[in-house]
Protein backbone atom coordinates (compact mmCIF):
# COMPACT_ATOMS: atom_id res chain seq x y z
CA UNK A 1 13.14 19.92 13.62
CA UNK A 2 9.57 19.00 15.00
CA UNK A 3 6.88 20.75 16.30
CA UNK A 4 4.14 20.04 18.83
CA UNK A 5 1.14 17.91 16.94
CA UNK A 6 -1.11 19.90 19.52
CA UNK A 7 -0.35 23.27 17.57
CA UNK A 8 -2.92 24.56 15.56
CA UNK A 9 -2.17 25.88 12.00
CA UNK A 10 -3.05 29.48 13.63
CA UNK A 11 -2.77 30.88 16.90
CA UNK A 12 -5.51 32.95 16.46
CA UNK A 13 -8.15 33.18 19.56
CA UNK A 14 -11.32 33.25 17.81
CA UNK A 15 -12.90 34.19 14.26
CA UNK A 16 -12.67 37.99 15.02
CA UNK A 17 -9.33 38.57 13.61
CA UNK A 18 -8.66 40.46 10.33
CA UNK A 19 -8.25 38.31 7.31
CA UNK A 20 -4.41 39.42 7.28
CA UNK A 21 -3.98 37.71 10.47
CA UNK A 22 -3.63 34.03 10.57
CA UNK A 23 -5.99 31.56 8.50
CA UNK A 24 -6.89 28.72 10.14
CA UNK A 25 -7.65 27.79 13.77
CA UNK A 26 -8.38 23.84 13.29
CA UNK A 27 -5.99 21.75 14.83
CA UNK A 28 -3.48 20.23 12.19
CA UNK A 29 -4.18 17.10 10.53
CA UNK A 30 0.16 16.10 10.45
CA UNK A 31 2.85 16.01 12.60
CA UNK A 32 5.57 17.91 11.70
CA UNK A 33 9.07 16.25 10.68
CA UNK A 34 12.55 16.98 9.56
CA UNK A 35 12.70 19.21 6.76
CA UNK A 36 16.49 18.66 5.87
CA UNK A 37 17.17 17.68 2.59
CA UNK A 38 20.70 15.95 1.74
CA UNK A 39 22.20 13.88 -1.58
CA UNK A 40 19.74 12.92 -4.09
CA UNK A 41 16.78 15.12 -2.78
CA UNK A 42 18.87 17.87 -2.30
CA UNK A 43 20.11 17.73 -5.94
CA UNK A 44 16.71 16.97 -6.89
CA UNK A 45 15.22 20.34 -5.65
CA UNK A 46 17.91 22.27 -6.58
CA UNK A 47 17.38 21.19 -10.24
CA UNK A 48 13.81 20.88 -10.40
CA UNK A 49 12.21 22.99 -8.10
CA UNK A 50 11.83 26.18 -10.17
CA UNK A 51 10.08 24.04 -12.56
CA UNK A 52 7.85 21.51 -10.40
CA UNK A 53 7.06 23.73 -7.52
CA UNK A 54 4.45 26.20 -6.99
CA UNK A 55 5.80 29.04 -5.54
CA UNK A 56 2.73 29.86 -2.91
CA UNK A 57 2.72 33.18 -0.81
CA UNK A 58 2.71 32.74 2.87
CA UNK A 59 1.07 34.18 5.89
CA UNK A 60 2.22 32.40 8.87
CA UNK A 61 3.88 29.29 8.43
CA UNK A 62 6.11 27.32 5.23
CA UNK A 63 2.88 25.45 4.86
CA UNK A 64 0.00 28.11 5.11
CA UNK A 65 -1.23 30.07 1.85
CA UNK A 66 -2.10 33.35 1.47
CA UNK A 67 -5.61 33.48 1.00
CA UNK A 68 -5.78 35.96 -1.78
CA UNK A 69 -3.24 33.44 -3.93
CA UNK A 70 -5.21 31.60 -6.60
CA UNK A 71 -3.76 28.37 -8.50
CA UNK A 72 -3.55 29.10 -12.05
CA UNK A 73 -3.75 25.30 -13.62
CA UNK A 74 -3.48 26.38 -17.07
CA UNK A 75 -0.17 28.79 -16.25
CA UNK A 76 1.41 26.54 -14.25
CA UNK A 77 1.32 23.41 -16.49
CA UNK A 78 1.17 25.62 -19.67
CA UNK A 79 -2.02 23.76 -21.19
CA UNK A 80 -5.64 22.99 -20.09
CA UNK A 81 -6.49 19.59 -18.95
CA UNK A 82 -8.39 17.35 -16.14
CA UNK A 83 -6.59 18.31 -12.98
CA UNK A 84 -5.85 15.42 -10.35
CA UNK A 85 -5.01 16.67 -6.76
CA UNK A 86 -3.57 13.78 -4.28
CA UNK A 87 -3.66 15.34 -0.69
CA UNK A 88 -0.81 13.87 1.42
CA UNK A 89 1.29 12.64 -1.70
CA UNK A 90 3.90 11.50 0.29
CA UNK A 91 6.92 10.29 -1.52
CA UNK A 92 5.26 10.68 -4.56
CA UNK A 93 4.64 7.02 -5.43
CA UNK A 94 0.92 7.15 -6.62
CA UNK A 95 0.82 10.35 -8.28
CA UNK A 96 3.86 10.09 -10.51
CA UNK A 97 2.90 6.69 -11.62
CA UNK A 98 -0.54 8.10 -12.46
CA UNK A 99 0.97 11.22 -14.05
CA UNK A 100 3.18 8.49 -16.45
CA UNK A 101 0.06 6.52 -17.27
CA UNK A 102 -1.98 9.41 -18.19
CA UNK A 103 -0.14 11.87 -19.74
CA UNK A 104 -3.48 13.70 -20.81
CA UNK A 105 -4.02 14.63 -17.16
CA UNK A 106 -2.27 17.40 -15.09
CA UNK A 107 -1.57 16.42 -11.29
CA UNK A 108 -0.96 18.59 -8.20
CA UNK A 109 0.89 16.58 -5.48
CA UNK A 110 0.01 18.49 -2.21
CA UNK A 111 2.35 17.47 0.61
CA UNK A 112 3.66 19.16 4.27
CA UNK A 113 6.46 17.33 4.28
CA UNK A 114 9.27 18.72 2.51
CA UNK A 115 11.47 15.46 1.84
CA UNK A 116 8.34 13.98 0.46
CA UNK A 117 8.27 16.52 -1.93
CA UNK A 118 11.94 16.37 -3.30
CA UNK A 119 11.19 12.68 -3.36
CA UNK A 120 8.49 13.32 -5.70
CA UNK A 121 10.65 15.65 -7.65
CA UNK A 122 13.12 12.68 -8.06
CA UNK A 123 10.56 10.52 -9.66
CA UNK A 124 9.34 13.47 -11.68
CA UNK A 125 12.86 13.61 -12.95
CA UNK A 126 13.76 9.85 -13.39
CA UNK A 127 9.99 9.28 -15.36
CA UNK A 128 10.84 12.62 -17.32
CA UNK A 129 7.42 13.78 -16.75
CA UNK A 130 5.98 17.10 -17.35
CA UNK A 131 2.42 16.71 -16.27
CA UNK A 132 3.09 17.11 -12.14
CA UNK A 133 3.51 19.96 -9.87
CA UNK A 134 4.06 20.14 -6.12
CA UNK A 135 3.16 22.37 -3.07
CA UNK A 136 3.99 22.45 0.42
CA UNK A 137 0.95 23.67 2.09
CA UNK A 138 -1.83 22.72 4.58
CA UNK A 139 -4.87 20.90 2.43
CA UNK A 140 -7.58 22.87 3.95
CA UNK A 141 -6.46 26.20 2.82
CA UNK A 142 -5.54 24.85 -0.40
CA UNK A 143 -9.31 23.39 -0.97
CA UNK A 144 -10.57 26.70 0.55
CA UNK A 145 -8.91 29.54 -1.23
CA UNK A 146 -5.81 28.38 -3.27
CA UNK A 147 -8.05 26.16 -5.74
CA UNK A 148 -10.39 27.91 -7.79
CA UNK A 149 -14.04 26.50 -7.07
CA UNK A 150 -15.02 23.63 -9.12
CA UNK A 151 -11.52 23.58 -10.83
CA UNK A 152 -10.53 19.71 -9.46
CA UNK A 153 -11.53 16.62 -11.79
CA UNK A 154 -10.10 13.85 -9.06
CA UNK A 155 -9.41 14.48 -5.48
CA UNK A 156 -7.59 11.82 -3.89
CA UNK A 157 -6.86 10.79 -0.14
CA UNK A 158 -4.68 8.00 0.20
CA UNK A 159 -3.65 6.82 3.56
CA UNK A 160 -3.99 9.80 5.83
CA UNK A 161 -2.82 9.97 9.39
CA UNK A 162 -5.59 7.69 11.42
CA UNK A 163 -4.69 9.32 14.71
CA UNK A 164 -5.54 6.40 16.44
CA UNK A 165 -6.35 7.69 19.95
CA UNK A 166 -10.16 8.83 20.84
CA UNK A 167 -8.98 12.03 22.15
CA UNK A 168 -7.09 12.95 18.82
CA UNK A 169 -9.74 11.82 16.00
CA UNK A 170 -10.80 15.59 16.03
CA UNK A 171 -7.16 15.76 14.10
CA UNK A 172 -8.37 13.44 11.67
CA UNK A 173 -8.67 14.92 8.07
CA UNK A 174 -12.04 13.40 6.55
CA UNK A 175 -14.87 14.92 8.42
CA UNK A 176 -17.54 17.00 7.87
CA UNK A 177 -15.61 20.43 7.33
CA UNK A 178 -13.32 18.63 5.05
CA UNK A 179 -16.10 17.18 2.86
CA UNK A 180 -17.63 20.78 2.57
CA UNK A 181 -13.76 22.02 1.25
CA UNK A 182 -13.44 18.96 -0.95
CA UNK A 183 -16.89 19.73 -2.71
CA UNK A 184 -16.21 23.49 -3.26
CA UNK A 185 -12.83 22.40 -4.83
CA UNK A 186 -14.43 19.32 -7.10
CA UNK A 187 -16.22 20.08 -10.37
CA UNK A 188 -19.87 18.67 -10.88
CA UNK A 189 -19.32 14.97 -11.25
CA UNK A 190 -15.66 14.99 -10.22
CA UNK A 191 -14.46 12.18 -7.91
CA UNK A 192 -13.05 12.00 -5.00
CA UNK A 193 -11.28 8.61 -4.15
CA UNK A 194 -10.00 7.43 -0.54
CA UNK A 195 -8.41 4.70 0.94
CA UNK A 196 -7.05 3.82 4.40
CA UNK A 197 -5.65 0.72 6.23
CA UNK A 198 -7.62 1.34 9.21
CA UNK A 199 -11.23 0.01 9.75
CA UNK A 200 -12.31 2.56 12.34
CA UNK A 201 -11.09 5.38 9.92
CA UNK A 202 -12.97 4.18 7.09
CA UNK A 203 -16.18 3.88 8.94
CA UNK A 204 -15.69 7.38 9.65
CA UNK A 205 -14.94 8.54 5.73
CA UNK A 206 -18.21 6.31 4.91
CA UNK A 207 -20.24 8.13 7.22
CA UNK A 208 -19.20 11.28 6.51
CA UNK A 209 -19.46 10.91 2.67
CA UNK A 210 -22.44 9.46 3.23
CA UNK A 211 -24.17 11.86 5.20
CA UNK A 212 -22.69 14.73 2.75
CA UNK A 213 -25.66 16.13 0.38
CA UNK A 214 -22.70 17.26 -1.78
CA UNK A 215 -21.84 13.94 -2.72
CA UNK A 216 -23.23 10.37 -3.75
CA UNK A 217 -21.17 6.87 -3.91
CA UNK A 218 -20.41 5.13 -6.48
CA UNK A 219 -20.85 1.57 -4.70
CA UNK A 220 -23.70 1.89 -2.33
CA UNK A 221 -24.36 -1.29 -0.59
CA UNK A 222 -21.45 -3.25 -2.75
CA UNK A 223 -19.32 -5.31 -0.62
CA UNK A 224 -21.30 -5.95 2.42
CA UNK A 225 -21.59 -9.20 4.49
CA UNK A 226 -18.72 -11.53 4.24
CA UNK A 227 -17.48 -9.48 1.09
CA UNK A 228 -16.95 -6.67 3.31
CA UNK A 229 -13.34 -6.17 4.65
CA UNK A 230 -14.81 -4.20 7.88
CA UNK A 231 -16.54 -7.79 8.40
CA UNK A 232 -13.34 -9.60 7.52
CA UNK A 233 -11.62 -7.18 10.05
CA UNK A 234 -14.03 -7.97 12.99
CA UNK A 235 -14.28 -11.91 12.46
CA UNK A 236 -10.35 -12.28 12.54
CA UNK A 237 -9.76 -10.06 15.26
CA UNK A 238 -7.53 -7.76 12.94
CA UNK A 239 -5.89 -4.37 14.21
CA UNK A 240 -5.35 -5.61 17.93
CA UNK A 241 -9.01 -6.14 18.21
CA UNK A 242 -11.22 -9.06 19.69
CA UNK A 243 -12.44 -11.28 17.27
CA UNK A 244 -16.24 -10.68 16.52
CA UNK A 245 -19.57 -11.54 14.41
CA UNK A 246 -20.62 -8.11 13.94
CA UNK A 247 -21.14 -8.22 10.05
CA UNK A 248 -21.06 -5.33 8.21
CA UNK A 249 -24.50 -4.90 6.32
CA UNK A 250 -24.06 -1.62 5.07
CA UNK A 251 -21.08 -2.12 2.50
CA UNK A 252 -20.29 0.86 0.17
CA UNK A 253 -16.72 -0.62 -0.13
CA UNK A 254 -15.20 0.41 -3.59
CA UNK A 255 -13.05 -2.19 -5.41
CA UNK A 256 -9.05 -0.89 -5.54
CA UNK A 257 -8.63 1.98 -8.00
CA UNK A 258 -6.70 0.44 -10.81
CA UNK A 259 -4.64 3.49 -10.78
CA UNK A 260 -3.34 3.60 -7.53
CA UNK A 261 0.13 1.94 -7.43
CA UNK A 262 0.93 -0.42 -4.63
CA UNK A 263 3.20 2.03 -2.71
CA UNK A 264 5.66 1.44 -0.34
CA UNK A 265 3.59 2.72 2.54
CA UNK A 266 0.74 0.62 1.93
CA UNK A 267 2.75 -2.67 1.16
CA UNK A 268 3.99 -2.32 5.19
CA UNK A 269 -0.06 -2.19 5.66
CA UNK A 270 -0.42 -5.53 4.11
CA UNK A 271 2.54 -7.13 5.48
CA UNK A 272 1.41 -5.71 9.00
CA UNK A 273 -1.81 -7.91 8.47
CA UNK A 274 -4.12 -4.88 7.72
CA UNK A 275 -7.14 -4.73 5.02
CA UNK A 276 -7.32 -2.05 2.74
CA UNK A 277 -10.52 0.05 2.51
CA UNK A 278 -11.29 1.92 -0.32
CA UNK A 279 -13.99 4.32 -1.15
CA UNK A 280 -15.15 6.32 -4.22
CA UNK A 281 -17.75 9.10 -4.20
CA UNK A 282 -19.01 11.76 -7.06
CA UNK A 283 -19.87 15.16 -6.20
CA UNK A 284 -23.36 15.81 -7.02
């Protein structure tokens, strides 16, 4: 079953409702897709969900989070360790690989797509991981109330939906209001890692984070000019754009994060001839 992507998480009319009425008015940054589980995904859910899925109380939909609920990472993982949160974890390729490589860290996968979470559980089982938990939840609600302030050591947002049409840009996840939520969740000195394969969204991400007084780039001015992926996109006329000699003199692009495995999604972007933009910012 799918729902209209234009529908907000909340159908509240304004900000005058009580806290017990629905929670978020902002347009959702995702399109609802089928949620049926079959075969190995259903088996993984049946066998592993009791241990690895965070049971979140809901207030409105199956991706909402009761604003009174606060995630206790130490209780969920049975230990105290640095927490890495991936927003939009997809099929779990990146987060389970990182968890396998970093057993000293805890990882929380946030995803709205149930089959994606089930696939993540499959990977957890195949790798015999104990340091990953998954939650089906709307990201802004996770960052606003579910995660305690200053509890996240790294926040990952890799390849969020680009919402190409100009009238849909308001649905993009990475914007000023989301940066404020990210800053709330991150510890001082914590890192926000981002990646996208679309240049205009990459520019928006850079604008948002550079303008935020709560973040500083780890790579200011780096990979500018001819070394910039933005310059290359323009010069080569990629992404269906006309070729241009407009060079990116600003830069700020991070090198590829070694901890980010090449996922099937990113590989498709490479096959389509798109370039990857990485950004890394530190919470001040």
